[in-house]
């Protein structure tokens, strides 16, 4: 089963997509298998992070910006330095994640959520959830 989702993003924002992914898994009817969350964009990412402290997302954003700052001396300047930094962030953090489906449910830890990260924006974005049986 493949589900398609659309979201409107803001620059450097984080979107909790855990509920939609859980729902896709449950609707698939798959009891044992794999769930893949995929984003087809080169300036956005998919990650797992703890939802318990909202300031954790500030830490995540600050560390990503510290490690990959927007700067004017990137070699590729197709759009803007922000766009170039977004490509690097996306390449390092990844555009997809795989999860175990067990007993018809998404297997996540108690302090884990699934997040869509926007590194450019604002944009009209999309992501896909694919659930495959063993």
Protein backbone atom coordinates (compact mmCIF):
# COMPACT_ATOMS: atom_id res chain seq x y z
CA UNK A 1 0.00 0.00 0.00
CA UNK A 2 1.22 3.50 -0.89
CA UNK A 3 -0.22 6.68 0.65
CA UNK A 4 0.53 10.19 -0.60
CA UNK A 5 0.41 13.29 1.65
CA UNK A 6 0.76 16.99 0.88
CA UNK A 7 1.90 19.71 3.27
CA UNK A 8 2.62 23.43 3.04
CA UNK A 9 5.83 24.34 4.80
CA UNK A 10 7.59 27.36 6.20
CA UNK A 11 11.33 28.00 6.09
CA UNK A 12 13.29 25.78 8.49
CA UNK A 13 10.22 24.29 10.12
CA UNK A 14 9.46 20.87 11.59
CA UNK A 15 6.25 18.90 10.95
CA UNK A 16 5.11 15.97 13.07
CA UNK A 17 3.86 13.29 10.66
CA UNK A 18 3.73 10.44 13.20
CA UNK A 19 -0.07 10.31 13.35
CA UNK A 20 -0.42 10.03 9.56
CA UNK A 21 2.24 7.30 9.37
CA UNK A 22 0.62 5.30 12.19
CA UNK A 23 -2.76 5.61 10.49
CA UNK A 24 -1.34 4.47 7.14
CA UNK A 25 0.14 1.39 8.79
CA UNK A 26 -3.14 0.52 10.50
CA UNK A 27 -5.17 1.08 7.31
CA UNK A 28 -2.80 -1.13 5.30
CA UNK A 29 -3.88 -4.27 7.12
CA UNK A 30 -0.25 -5.43 7.21
CA UNK A 31 0.45 -7.40 10.38
CA UNK A 32 4.21 -7.91 9.95
CA UNK A 33 6.38 -5.92 7.58
CA UNK A 34 8.13 -2.66 6.85
CA UNK A 35 6.94 0.93 6.58
CA UNK A 36 8.97 3.35 4.50
CA UNK A 37 8.49 7.11 4.81
CA UNK A 38 9.91 8.91 1.77
CA UNK A 39 10.16 12.58 0.81
CA UNK A 40 10.97 13.31 -2.87
CA UNK A 41 12.63 16.68 -2.22
CA UNK A 42 16.31 17.62 -2.17
CA UNK A 43 15.94 20.40 0.44
CA UNK A 44 13.87 18.55 3.05
CA UNK A 45 14.42 15.55 5.30
CA UNK A 46 12.74 12.82 7.31
CA UNK A 47 13.96 12.06 10.83
CA UNK A 48 13.04 10.52 14.18
CA UNK A 49 13.17 12.76 17.21
CA UNK A 50 11.69 13.03 20.69
CA UNK A 51 8.48 15.07 20.94
CA UNK A 52 8.54 15.44 24.72
CA UNK A 53 10.33 18.77 25.04
CA UNK A 54 9.44 21.36 22.36
CA UNK A 55 12.75 23.11 22.99
CA UNK A 56 14.44 19.97 21.67
CA UNK A 57 13.41 21.08 18.19
CA UNK A 58 15.15 24.41 18.81
CA UNK A 59 18.30 22.46 19.75
CA UNK A 60 17.98 20.31 16.62
CA UNK A 61 17.54 23.36 14.38
CA UNK A 62 20.45 25.22 16.00
CA UNK A 63 22.79 22.24 15.67
CA UNK A 64 21.86 21.63 12.04
CA UNK A 65 22.45 25.33 11.30
CA UNK A 66 25.75 25.25 13.19
CA UNK A 67 26.97 22.20 11.29
CA UNK A 68 25.70 23.40 7.90
CA UNK A 69 25.39 27.19 7.94
CA UNK A 70 23.80 29.13 5.14
CA UNK A 71 26.73 30.86 3.50
CA UNK A 72 27.42 32.65 0.28
CA UNK A 73 30.47 30.61 -0.75
CA UNK A 74 28.82 27.28 -1.55
CA UNK A 75 30.06 26.15 -4.95
CA UNK A 76 26.58 25.51 -6.27
CA UNK A 77 24.39 28.59 -6.30
CA UNK A 78 21.49 27.50 -8.52
CA UNK A 79 18.97 29.36 -6.40
CA UNK A 80 20.28 30.90 -3.16
CA UNK A 81 22.80 30.09 -0.41
CA UNK A 82 19.77 28.96 1.65
CA UNK A 83 18.86 26.50 -1.12
CA UNK A 84 22.45 25.22 -1.33
CA UNK A 85 22.56 24.67 2.45
CA UNK A 86 19.20 22.87 2.22
CA UNK A 87 20.65 20.40 -0.30
CA UNK A 88 23.56 19.58 2.01
CA UNK A 89 21.28 19.23 5.07
CA UNK A 90 18.94 16.92 3.15
CA UNK A 91 21.82 14.78 1.89
CA UNK A 92 23.24 14.35 5.40
CA UNK A 93 20.00 13.82 7.32
CA UNK A 94 18.29 11.73 4.65
CA UNK A 95 15.08 11.77 2.67
CA UNK A 96 13.60 8.54 4.01
CA UNK A 97 13.34 6.27 7.01
CA UNK A 98 12.23 2.66 7.43
CA UNK A 99 10.23 1.32 10.35
CA UNK A 100 9.15 -2.10 11.55
CA UNK A 101 5.48 -3.04 11.44
CA UNK A 102 4.66 -5.57 14.17
CA UNK A 103 1.24 -6.93 15.08
CA UNK A 104 -0.38 -4.40 12.74
CA UNK A 105 1.23 -1.38 14.41
CA UNK A 106 4.14 0.94 13.75
CA UNK A 107 7.01 -0.01 16.05
CA UNK A 108 8.31 3.23 17.59
CA UNK A 109 9.90 3.86 20.96
CA UNK A 110 7.91 5.71 23.62
CA UNK A 111 9.86 8.92 23.06
CA UNK A 112 10.07 8.76 19.27
CA UNK A 113 8.13 10.69 16.65
CA UNK A 114 8.52 10.94 12.88
CA UNK A 115 9.20 14.40 11.49
CA UNK A 116 9.36 16.12 8.12
CA UNK A 117 12.08 18.79 8.20
CA UNK A 118 11.96 21.77 5.83
CA UNK A 119 15.39 23.21 5.03
CA UNK A 120 14.29 25.75 2.44
CA UNK A 121 10.74 26.95 1.94
CA UNK A 122 8.13 28.01 2.12
CA UNK A 123 7.09 25.24 -0.25
CA UNK A 124 4.26 22.94 -1.25
CA UNK A 125 5.71 19.59 -0.26
CA UNK A 126 4.70 15.96 -0.34
CA UNK A 127 5.77 12.71 1.22
CA UNK A 128 4.87 9.06 0.78
CA UNK A 129 4.25 6.18 3.15
CA UNK A 130 4.74 2.65 1.76
CA UNK A 131 3.75 -0.35 3.84
CA UNK A 132 5.01 -3.76 2.71
CA UNK A 133 4.18 -7.13 4.20
CA UNK A 134 6.86 -9.71 5.07
